[in-house]
């Protein structure tokens, strides 16, 4: 397979193979308590795989 000719452009995928957007439905407010999050990296092979590049946790209060 020949290498990609376009220059590399880092990006963030927000939706993949997503269908059309649906009209917003009125529903309850959802509040999430977030105490950690992570930067993930995907790699392709026989199947997609995801790994944690760096994880972050909130300081205890």
C-alpha atoms as a PDB file:
ATOM      1  CA  UNK A   1       0.000   0.000   0.000  1.00  0.00           C
ATOM      2  CA  UNK A   2       1.531   3.360  -0.950  1.00  0.00           C
ATOM      3  CA  UNK A   3       1.979   5.906   1.847  1.00  0.00           C
ATOM      4  CA  UNK A   4      -0.572   8.690   2.211  1.00  0.00           C
ATOM      5  CA  UNK A   5       0.410  11.691   0.061  1.00  0.00           C
ATOM      6  CA  UNK A   6      -1.420  14.331   2.117  1.00  0.00           C
ATOM      7  CA  UNK A   7       0.455  15.977   5.003  1.00  0.00           C
ATOM      8  CA  UNK A   8      -0.405  14.614   8.447  1.00  0.00           C
ATOM      9  CA  UNK A   9      -3.062  16.677  10.254  1.00  0.00           C
ATOM     10  CA  UNK A  10      -3.732  15.734  13.898  1.00  0.00           C
ATOM     11  CA  UNK A  11      -7.436  15.650  14.707  1.00  0.00           C
ATOM     12  CA  UNK A  12     -10.034  14.622  17.248  1.00  0.00           C
ATOM     13  CA  UNK A  13     -12.873  12.344  16.174  1.00  0.00           C
ATOM     14  CA  UNK A  14     -16.121  13.412  17.828  1.00  0.00           C
ATOM     15  CA  UNK A  15     -18.416  11.028  15.968  1.00  0.00           C
ATOM     16  CA  UNK A  16     -17.673   8.126  13.713  1.00  0.00           C
ATOM     17  CA  UNK A  17     -20.159   6.548  11.337  1.00  0.00           C
ATOM     18  CA  UNK A  18     -22.860   8.614  13.030  1.00  0.00           C
ATOM     19  CA  UNK A  19     -26.326   8.801  11.551  1.00  0.00           C
ATOM     20  CA  UNK A  20     -28.203  12.038  11.043  1.00  0.00           C
ATOM     21  CA  UNK A  21     -28.879  14.165  14.109  1.00  0.00           C
ATOM     22  CA  UNK A  22     -32.273  13.787  15.752  1.00  0.00           C
ATOM     23  CA  UNK A  23     -34.367  16.667  17.018  1.00  0.00           C
ATOM     24  CA  UNK A  24     -33.681  17.408  20.663  1.00  0.00           C
ATOM     25  CA  UNK A  25     -36.135  15.745  23.019  1.00  0.00           C
ATOM     26  CA  UNK A  26     -37.160  17.444  26.226  1.00  0.00           C
ATOM     27  CA  UNK A  27     -36.025  15.324  29.116  1.00  0.00           C
ATOM     28  CA  UNK A  28     -34.583  15.480  32.585  1.00  0.00           C
ATOM     29  CA  UNK A  29     -31.378  17.409  33.255  1.00  0.00           C
ATOM     30  CA  UNK A  30     -28.490  15.004  33.653  1.00  0.00           C
ATOM     31  CA  UNK A  31     -25.668  16.014  35.963  1.00  0.00           C
ATOM     32  CA  UNK A  32     -22.448  14.026  35.883  1.00  0.00           C
ATOM     33  CA  UNK A  33     -19.854  14.117  38.604  1.00  0.00           C
ATOM     34  CA  UNK A  34     -16.516  13.818  36.802  1.00  0.00           C
ATOM     35  CA  UNK A  35     -13.534  12.906  38.971  1.00  0.00           C
ATOM     36  CA  UNK A  36     -11.209  11.740  36.187  1.00  0.00           C
ATOM     37  CA  UNK A  37     -10.814  11.803  32.430  1.00  0.00           C
ATOM     38  CA  UNK A  38      -8.303  10.499  29.888  1.00  0.00           C
ATOM     39  CA  UNK A  39      -6.705  11.270  26.549  1.00  0.00           C
ATOM     40  CA  UNK A  40      -7.206   8.181  24.395  1.00  0.00           C
ATOM     41  CA  UNK A  41      -5.421   6.978  21.257  1.00  0.00           C
ATOM     42  CA  UNK A  42      -6.883   4.640  18.670  1.00  0.00           C
ATOM     43  CA  UNK A  43      -4.838   2.237  16.592  1.00  0.00           C
ATOM     44  CA  UNK A  44      -6.067   0.250  13.631  1.00  0.00           C
ATOM     45  CA  UNK A  45      -5.137  -3.319  12.851  1.00  0.00           C
ATOM     46  CA  UNK A  46      -7.310  -6.365  12.414  1.00  0.00           C
ATOM     47  CA  UNK A  47      -9.623  -4.509  14.767  1.00  0.00           C
ATOM     48  CA  UNK A  48      -9.617  -1.028  16.276  1.00  0.00           C
ATOM     49  CA  UNK A  49      -7.955  -0.765  19.660  1.00  0.00           C
ATOM     50  CA  UNK A  50      -7.899   2.094  22.161  1.00  0.00           C
ATOM     51  CA  UNK A  51      -5.254   2.920  24.725  1.00  0.00           C
ATOM     52  CA  UNK A  52      -4.853   5.545  27.422  1.00  0.00           C
ATOM     53  CA  UNK A  53      -2.156   8.103  26.581  1.00  0.00           C
ATOM     54  CA  UNK A  54      -2.572  10.133  29.782  1.00  0.00           C
ATOM     55  CA  UNK A  55      -5.189  10.119  32.520  1.00  0.00           C
ATOM     56  CA  UNK A  56      -6.115  12.944  34.852  1.00  0.00           C
ATOM     57  CA  UNK A  57      -7.857  12.907  38.225  1.00  0.00           C
ATOM     58  CA  UNK A  58      -9.421  15.732  40.200  1.00  0.00           C
ATOM     59  CA  UNK A  59      -7.597  16.928  43.303  1.00  0.00           C
ATOM     60  CA  UNK A  60      -9.381  15.781  46.471  1.00  0.00           C
ATOM     61  CA  UNK A  61     -11.279  18.662  48.065  1.00  0.00           C
END
